[in-house]
Amino acid sequence: MKGFIHLISTLACITLAAANAPGWPFDVTEINAPDGSVKAKFVSLGATMTELWVKDRDGNARDVILGYDDNTLLLTDPDHPVFNAIVGRYANRIKNGTFSIPTTKEAQPPGAGVWQLPTNDHDGEVTLHSSDYGWDRKNWTVHSRSPTSVTYKYVDPAGEDGQGFPGEVTVYATHEVSNGVLRSSVLAHATEKTPIMTTQHVYWNLDAFQNGGDTALNHYLTLDASRIVHLDGNAIPYGDFIETSGTIFDFKNGKMIGENFNQTVDNCGTGCQGFDHCWIYDQSETRRAGTSLWSNNSGIRVDISTNQPAVQMYTAYWLNTPRKEVHGGPSLVYDSWSAVAIEQQGYVDAVNTPEWNVNQIYGPREDYEWSATYKFSIVDA
């Protein structure tokens, strides 16, 4: 009898795992710009972009984003680098995995209007990207597609997988290409008030690991931002900002990411060298938020515009993942600084920082919208 119960329990676990699996094989969609300038591939798990091919200075196509040859690793890789997925229900970090509605400073459960999420970062003191099974590890369905676009849909139940978020959220993610342009957007509707903050977690190497382009530190970057969020050792905001002018965080006029890199030791956490910070865009009614990234090696440049107020730039210190074959893998790995993740988003942990007066709570009468446009061009040698 005991063995029978164990068998039933095992079968139940297998059934549950299958129900939560991304679907084997993956639903793969390829979209192409009419002029052949941009080709992108996506899988339904996380509405994730797995390949992005754009042309270099010599007219040769390069895959400029990181990823896997075996896309089942998007679900199973224990390092969970979140390659190019739509992240949600809440991107970036939440202190102690707790929040309240309405927003208060350092909400402590149990209590009315207080929620607790699983923690998965900084020794259990932080929830990162909605824990290990957020939207990036859910199997979205294809809502519609064409030769130049694909739209995915996911219904996120209240409290799914013990994540503790209130309300059901129906979310659509659309990816579309036109001549020289990729655009991604997210629209989400919640049945009750809940935190929502998404991003597209794209890891860029514009050299595609060709001709010595094994690092993103030689890429040039412009961030239209004069402030960063002041973070503690767990990458959680204190509630104030640091002016970037004259500091290593000043990318407003464009510079090489690796410039003054010796000054970034322990900059992104203890033992971490590089960047992992949230810049606040200098937005106005006449200027849209933006980032520019380019490589003098390949000649590829991408200009990114967004409706979001902030951007997280991470120089991928913790990467240790076998490369795609097109990038020289699998015997070689994506390692520290081999790429730069640029994530258009809201203010990090705004749900615990009421002094900012930044509302990251959405509900039945207020839908959430996110968008990013990536425009590709060529820089002179």
Protein backbone atom coordinates (compact mmCIF):
# COMPACT_ATOMS: atom_id res chain seq x y z
CA MET A 1 0.00 0.00 0.00
CA LYS A 2 2.84 2.33 0.90
CA GLY A 3 4.49 1.66 -2.47
CA PHE A 4 1.20 2.29 -4.26
CA ILE A 5 0.78 5.63 -2.51
CA HIS A 6 4.37 6.52 -3.47
CA LEU A 7 3.62 5.60 -7.10
CA ILE A 8 0.48 7.74 -7.14
CA SER A 9 2.43 10.62 -5.59
CA THR A 10 5.17 10.25 -8.19
CA LEU A 11 2.66 10.20 -11.04
CA ALA A 12 0.99 13.29 -9.61
CA CYS A 13 4.35 15.09 -9.56
CA ILE A 14 5.03 14.06 -13.15
CA THR A 15 1.58 15.27 -14.19
CA LEU A 16 2.12 18.59 -12.41
CA ALA A 17 5.53 19.01 -14.01
CA ALA A 18 4.06 18.30 -17.44
CA ALA A 19 1.29 20.81 -16.83
CA ASN A 20 3.88 23.47 -15.99
CA ALA A 21 6.31 22.48 -18.75
CA PRO A 22 6.80 24.81 -21.72
CA GLY A 23 5.32 22.33 -24.17
CA TRP A 24 7.53 19.90 -26.04
CA PRO A 25 8.52 20.75 -28.64
CA PHE A 26 8.55 24.52 -28.26
CA ASP A 27 6.33 26.61 -30.45
CA VAL A 28 8.89 28.52 -32.54
CA THR A 29 8.05 31.61 -34.58
CA GLU A 30 10.32 33.43 -37.01
CA ILE A 31 9.54 36.95 -38.21
CA ASN A 32 11.34 38.88 -40.94
CA ALA A 33 11.50 42.52 -41.95
CA PRO A 34 10.31 43.05 -45.55
CA ASP A 35 13.76 44.26 -46.66
CA GLY A 36 15.60 41.41 -44.91
CA SER A 37 17.38 43.77 -42.50
CA VAL A 38 16.06 42.12 -39.31
CA LYS A 39 15.19 38.50 -38.56
CA ALA A 40 14.06 37.34 -35.12
CA LYS A 41 13.03 34.01 -33.63
CA PHE A 42 10.82 33.52 -30.57
CA VAL A 43 9.58 30.64 -28.45
CA SER A 44 6.35 30.50 -26.51
CA LEU A 45 8.10 29.99 -23.16
CA GLY A 46 8.29 33.49 -21.72
CA ALA A 47 7.46 35.02 -25.13
CA THR A 48 11.23 34.82 -25.41
CA MET A 49 13.39 36.10 -28.25
CA THR A 50 15.99 33.40 -28.96
CA GLU A 51 17.74 34.83 -32.04
CA LEU A 52 18.07 38.34 -33.48
CA TRP A 53 19.89 38.68 -36.78
CA VAL A 54 20.91 42.13 -38.08
CA LYS A 55 23.47 43.14 -40.68
CA ASP A 56 26.95 44.40 -39.88
CA ARG A 57 29.04 46.99 -41.70
CA ASP A 58 29.87 44.51 -44.46
CA GLY A 59 26.28 43.40 -44.97
CA ASN A 60 26.70 40.09 -43.14
CA ALA A 61 23.96 39.00 -40.74
CA ARG A 62 24.97 38.46 -37.10
CA ASP A 63 22.95 37.05 -34.20
CA VAL A 64 23.45 39.84 -31.65
CA ILE A 65 21.75 38.34 -28.58
CA LEU A 66 22.75 35.55 -26.21
CA GLY A 67 20.78 32.34 -25.74
CA TYR A 68 20.76 28.56 -25.95
CA ASP A 69 20.84 26.06 -28.80
CA ASP A 70 18.59 23.87 -26.61
CA ASN A 71 15.78 26.21 -25.61
CA THR A 72 14.44 23.80 -22.97
CA LEU A 73 17.23 25.29 -20.84
CA LEU A 74 15.16 28.46 -20.58
CA LEU A 75 13.12 26.45 -18.11
CA THR A 76 15.72 24.14 -16.56
CA ASP A 77 19.01 26.05 -16.37
CA PRO A 78 19.66 26.40 -12.61
CA ASP A 79 21.68 29.61 -13.21
CA HIS A 80 18.52 31.16 -14.74
CA PRO A 81 20.11 34.11 -16.58
CA VAL A 82 16.71 35.08 -18.10
CA PHE A 83 17.85 35.32 -21.71
CA ASN A 84 15.71 37.85 -23.61
CA ALA A 85 12.34 36.93 -22.06
CA ILE A 86 9.37 39.05 -21.05
CA VAL A 87 9.79 39.30 -17.29
CA GLY A 88 6.85 39.64 -14.89
CA ARG A 89 4.56 39.94 -13.07
CA TYR A 90 7.13 42.22 -11.40
CA ALA A 91 10.62 42.70 -12.83
CA ASN A 92 13.80 43.46 -10.92
CA ARG A 93 13.96 43.33 -7.13
CA ILE A 94 11.46 43.45 -4.27
CA LYS A 95 12.90 43.80 -0.78
CA ASN A 96 12.17 40.78 1.44
CA GLY A 97 9.65 39.67 -1.18
CA THR A 98 6.95 41.76 0.49
CA PHE A 99 4.71 44.59 -0.61
CA SER A 100 1.48 46.23 0.46
CA ILE A 101 -1.50 47.85 -1.25
CA PRO A 102 -1.54 50.80 -0.85
CA THR A 103 2.25 51.10 -0.98
CA THR A 104 4.02 51.52 2.35
CA LYS A 105 7.65 51.52 3.43
CA GLU A 106 8.95 48.00 4.18
CA ALA A 107 5.63 46.22 4.55
CA GLN A 108 5.80 43.39 7.09
CA PRO A 109 3.53 40.34 6.88
CA PRO A 110 1.24 39.16 8.22
CA GLY A 111 -1.12 42.07 7.91
CA ALA A 112 -4.08 43.39 6.02
CA GLY A 113 -3.15 44.32 2.48
CA VAL A 114 0.34 42.80 2.79
CA TRP A 115 1.65 40.07 0.49
CA GLN A 116 4.63 37.76 0.70
CA LEU A 117 6.44 36.38 -2.36
CA PRO A 118 9.03 33.60 -2.55
CA THR A 119 12.56 34.99 -2.28
CA ASN A 120 15.28 33.79 -4.62
CA ASP A 121 18.20 36.21 -4.37
CA HIS A 122 20.71 37.59 -1.85
CA ASP A 123 20.37 34.71 0.61
CA GLY A 124 16.59 34.93 0.76
CA GLU A 125 16.40 38.67 1.34
CA VAL A 126 15.17 39.62 -2.14
CA THR A 127 12.65 38.48 -4.75
CA LEU A 128 14.24 38.86 -8.19
CA HIS A 129 12.11 38.90 -11.36
CA SER A 130 9.08 37.47 -9.50
CA SER A 131 11.05 34.45 -8.21
CA ASP A 132 12.30 31.44 -10.16
CA TYR A 133 9.00 30.81 -11.96
CA GLY A 134 7.77 34.15 -13.18
CA TRP A 135 6.38 34.94 -16.63
CA ASP A 136 9.71 34.11 -18.28
CA ARG A 137 9.19 30.44 -17.33
CA LYS A 138 5.51 30.18 -18.26
CA ASN A 139 4.23 28.79 -21.52
CA TRP A 140 2.41 31.55 -23.36
CA THR A 141 0.02 30.78 -26.20
CA VAL A 142 0.26 32.23 -29.69
CA HIS A 143 -2.61 34.69 -29.97
CA SER A 144 -1.82 35.79 -33.53
CA ARG A 145 1.07 35.91 -35.96
CA SER A 146 2.07 37.05 -39.41
CA PRO A 147 5.32 37.06 -41.43
CA THR A 148 6.38 40.21 -39.56
CA SER A 149 4.82 39.87 -36.09
CA VAL A 150 3.75 37.53 -33.31
CA THR A 151 1.53 38.14 -30.30
CA TYR A 152 1.58 35.89 -27.24
CA LYS A 153 -1.02 35.65 -24.48
CA TYR A 154 -0.68 34.46 -20.90
CA VAL A 155 -3.24 34.37 -18.09
CA ASP A 156 -1.51 34.68 -14.72
CA PRO A 157 -3.83 33.45 -11.95
CA ALA A 158 -3.88 35.00 -8.50
CA GLY A 159 -1.26 33.37 -6.30
CA GLU A 160 0.01 31.00 -8.99
CA ASP A 161 2.84 28.71 -7.80
CA GLY A 162 2.61 30.31 -4.38
CA GLN A 163 3.90 33.59 -5.76
CA GLY A 164 1.39 35.52 -3.70
CA PHE A 165 0.37 38.20 -6.17
CA PRO A 166 -3.27 39.26 -5.85
CA GLY A 167 -5.64 39.22 -8.80
CA GLU A 168 -5.61 37.51 -12.17
CA VAL A 169 -3.62 39.23 -14.91
CA THR A 170 -4.18 38.69 -18.63
CA VAL A 171 -1.13 39.82 -20.56
CA TYR A 172 -0.31 40.13 -24.26
CA ALA A 173 3.23 40.50 -25.62
CA THR A 174 3.71 41.56 -29.22
CA HIS A 175 6.95 41.44 -31.22
CA GLU A 176 7.06 42.97 -34.67
CA VAL A 177 9.72 43.87 -37.22
CA SER A 178 9.85 46.43 -40.00
CA ASN A 179 12.75 47.69 -42.08
CA GLY A 180 15.64 48.15 -39.64
CA VAL A 181 13.38 48.03 -36.58
CA LEU A 182 12.24 45.58 -33.90
CA ARG A 183 9.44 46.63 -31.58
CA SER A 184 8.20 44.76 -28.50
CA SER A 185 5.20 45.74 -26.40
CA VAL A 186 3.20 44.44 -23.46
CA LEU A 187 -0.41 45.10 -22.48
CA ALA A 188 -1.75 43.70 -19.20
CA HIS A 189 -5.16 43.79 -17.53
CA ALA A 190 -5.69 42.86 -13.86
CA THR A 191 -8.93 41.80 -12.19
CA GLU A 192 -7.93 43.54 -8.96
CA LYS A 193 -5.20 45.85 -7.75
CA THR A 194 -1.77 44.27 -8.08
CA PRO A 195 1.85 45.31 -8.74
CA ILE A 196 2.89 45.01 -12.39
CA MET A 197 6.28 45.96 -13.82
CA THR A 198 7.66 44.15 -16.84
CA THR A 199 10.80 44.29 -18.92
CA GLN A 200 12.41 42.55 -21.86
CA HIS A 201 15.67 41.13 -20.52
CA VAL A 202 17.82 41.37 -23.67
CA TYR A 203 21.52 40.43 -23.50
CA TRP A 204 23.45 42.19 -26.28
CA ASN A 205 26.77 41.45 -27.94
CA LEU A 206 26.74 43.44 -31.16
CA ASP A 207 29.90 41.70 -32.40
CA ALA A 208 28.23 38.28 -32.06
CA PHE A 209 31.54 36.94 -30.72
CA GLN A 210 33.28 37.40 -34.07
CA ASN A 211 36.71 38.92 -34.79
CA GLY A 212 37.70 39.24 -31.15
CA GLY A 213 34.31 40.54 -30.04
CA ASP A 214 34.09 38.34 -26.95
CA THR A 215 33.25 41.17 -24.56
CA ALA A 216 30.71 43.98 -24.41
CA LEU A 217 33.16 46.19 -22.51
CA ASN A 218 34.39 47.56 -25.84
CA HIS A 219 30.85 48.56 -26.84
CA TYR A 220 29.90 52.24 -26.60
CA LEU A 221 26.82 53.26 -24.64
CA THR A 222 24.69 56.36 -24.24
CA LEU A 223 22.06 56.56 -21.51
CA ASP A 224 19.86 59.65 -21.54
CA ALA A 225 19.96 59.78 -17.75
CA SER A 226 21.46 62.09 -15.13
CA ARG A 227 20.55 60.01 -12.05
CA ILE A 228 20.75 56.47 -10.80
CA VAL A 229 18.87 54.87 -7.94
CA HIS A 230 21.01 54.73 -4.81
CA LEU A 231 21.21 51.01 -3.94
CA ASP A 232 22.31 49.05 -0.89
CA GLY A 233 24.41 45.86 -0.97
CA ASN A 234 21.35 43.80 -1.95
CA ALA A 235 20.61 46.15 -4.89
CA ILE A 236 17.59 47.50 -3.00
CA PRO A 237 16.96 51.29 -3.12
CA TYR A 238 17.52 53.51 -0.13
CA GLY A 239 14.94 55.92 -1.56
CA ASP A 240 17.22 58.63 -2.94
CA PHE A 241 19.22 59.13 -6.12
CA ILE A 242 22.84 59.73 -7.13
CA GLU A 243 23.71 62.36 -9.70
CA THR A 244 25.80 60.69 -12.40
CA SER A 245 27.72 63.73 -13.65
CA GLY A 246 31.44 63.24 -13.19
CA THR A 247 31.06 59.67 -11.92
CA ILE A 248 31.57 56.23 -13.43
CA PHE A 249 27.78 56.12 -13.94
CA ASP A 250 27.79 59.02 -16.39
CA PHE A 251 26.91 57.70 -19.86
CA LYS A 252 24.91 60.73 -20.90
CA ASN A 253 27.30 61.80 -23.65
CA GLY A 254 28.34 58.28 -24.63
CA LYS A 255 31.47 56.35 -23.73
CA MET A 256 32.95 52.88 -23.82
CA ILE A 257 31.36 50.62 -21.19
CA GLY A 258 34.80 49.48 -20.06
CA GLU A 259 36.14 53.00 -19.56
CA ASN A 260 37.51 53.39 -16.01
CA PHE A 261 36.47 49.79 -15.43
CA ASN A 262 39.04 49.37 -12.67
CA GLN A 263 36.80 51.64 -10.58
CA THR A 264 33.87 49.23 -10.73
CA VAL A 265 35.22 46.55 -8.35
CA ASP A 266 32.44 45.62 -5.89
CA ASN A 267 30.27 48.13 -7.74
CA CYS A 268 27.50 45.61 -8.52
CA GLY A 269 27.69 43.73 -5.21
CA THR A 270 30.45 42.15 -3.16
CA GLY A 271 32.96 40.50 -5.46
CA CYS A 272 31.17 41.78 -8.58
CA GLN A 273 32.92 44.07 -11.03
CA GLY A 274 30.88 46.08 -13.47
CA PHE A 275 27.39 47.57 -13.46
CA ASP A 276 23.96 46.41 -12.31
CA HIS A 277 22.10 49.64 -11.68
CA CYS A 278 18.89 51.49 -12.47
CA TRP A 279 19.25 54.77 -14.37
CA ILE A 280 16.36 57.28 -14.36
CA TYR A 281 15.76 58.78 -17.79
CA ASP A 282 15.78 62.55 -18.31
CA GLN A 283 12.35 62.56 -19.91
CA SER A 284 10.30 65.53 -21.00
CA GLU A 285 7.22 66.10 -23.11
CA THR A 286 9.43 66.70 -26.14
CA ARG A 287 12.07 64.00 -25.59
CA ARG A 288 11.40 60.27 -25.37
CA ALA A 289 13.51 58.13 -23.08
CA GLY A 290 16.32 56.34 -24.81
CA THR A 291 19.53 54.33 -24.89
CA SER A 292 22.08 53.84 -27.67
CA LEU A 293 24.57 50.97 -27.94
CA TRP A 294 27.10 50.44 -30.71
CA SER A 295 30.25 48.57 -31.64
CA ASN A 296 33.03 49.95 -33.79
CA ASN A 297 34.07 46.35 -34.49
CA SER A 298 30.93 45.14 -36.27
CA GLY A 299 29.59 48.61 -37.04
CA ILE A 300 26.19 47.69 -35.61
CA ARG A 301 24.30 50.32 -33.64
CA VAL A 302 20.97 49.99 -31.85
CA ASP A 303 18.97 53.00 -30.64
CA ILE A 304 16.36 52.06 -28.05
CA SER A 305 13.33 54.17 -27.20
CA THR A 306 10.70 53.30 -24.61
CA ASN A 307 7.66 54.51 -22.71
CA GLN A 308 9.32 53.49 -19.45
CA PRO A 309 10.93 55.94 -16.99
CA ALA A 310 14.07 53.91 -16.21
CA VAL A 311 16.58 51.39 -17.52
CA GLN A 312 18.58 48.66 -15.78
CA MET A 313 22.04 48.11 -17.26
CA TYR A 314 23.80 44.88 -16.21
CA THR A 315 27.23 43.88 -17.51
CA ALA A 316 26.57 40.18 -16.93
CA TYR A 317 29.22 39.50 -14.29
CA TRP A 318 27.58 36.28 -13.08
CA LEU A 319 27.22 34.59 -16.47
CA ASN A 320 28.78 31.14 -16.95
CA THR A 321 26.68 29.54 -19.69
CA PRO A 322 27.67 27.52 -22.78
CA ARG A 323 27.42 29.63 -25.90
CA LYS A 324 25.19 29.01 -28.88
CA GLU A 325 27.00 27.25 -31.73
CA VAL A 326 26.78 30.40 -33.84
CA HIS A 327 28.73 32.14 -31.06
CA GLY A 328 31.46 29.49 -30.91
CA GLY A 329 29.80 27.15 -28.40
CA PRO A 330 29.25 24.91 -26.69
CA SER A 331 32.91 24.42 -25.73
CA LEU A 332 33.14 28.15 -25.02
CA VAL A 333 30.94 29.91 -22.47
CA TYR A 334 29.25 33.24 -22.09
CA ASP A 335 31.18 34.59 -19.11
CA SER A 336 31.62 37.85 -17.22
CA TRP A 337 31.14 40.99 -19.34
CA SER A 338 30.59 39.00 -22.55
CA ALA A 339 27.30 40.85 -23.00
CA VAL A 340 25.34 43.75 -21.60
CA ALA A 341 21.70 43.39 -20.54
CA ILE A 342 19.65 46.53 -21.10
CA GLU A 343 16.22 46.39 -19.49
CA GLN A 344 13.59 49.10 -20.06
CA GLN A 345 11.49 49.26 -16.90
CA GLY A 346 10.03 51.25 -14.02
CA TYR A 347 11.79 52.33 -10.83
CA VAL A 348 13.30 49.34 -9.04
CA ASP A 349 11.23 48.25 -5.98
CA ALA A 350 8.85 51.17 -6.28
CA VAL A 351 6.29 49.02 -4.41
CA ASN A 352 8.36 49.55 -1.23
CA THR A 353 9.45 53.13 -1.83
CA PRO A 354 6.41 55.39 -1.36
CA GLU A 355 8.57 58.54 -1.06
CA TRP A 356 9.04 58.45 -4.84
CA ASN A 357 5.30 58.82 -5.47
CA VAL A 358 5.68 56.30 -8.30
CA ASN A 359 2.57 54.19 -8.70
CA GLN A 360 3.31 50.62 -9.83
CA ILE A 361 -0.13 49.26 -8.81
CA TYR A 362 -2.61 48.46 -11.58
CA GLY A 363 -6.19 47.24 -11.51
CA PRO A 364 -9.47 46.79 -13.37
CA ARG A 365 -9.70 50.43 -14.43
CA GLU A 366 -6.01 50.97 -15.22
CA ASP A 367 -4.22 48.68 -17.67
CA TYR A 368 -0.45 48.35 -17.76
CA GLU A 369 1.46 49.20 -20.95
CA TRP A 370 5.14 48.68 -21.76
CA SER A 371 7.00 49.16 -25.03
CA ALA A 372 10.51 49.29 -26.46
CA THR A 373 11.61 50.07 -30.00
CA TYR A 374 15.02 48.94 -31.28
CA LYS A 375 16.25 50.78 -34.37
CA PHE A 376 19.35 49.38 -36.08
CA SER A 377 21.89 51.28 -38.16
CA ILE A 378 25.57 51.23 -39.12
CA VAL A 379 28.35 53.37 -37.67
CA ASP A 380 31.40 54.39 -39.68
CA ALA A 381 34.62 52.48 -39.18
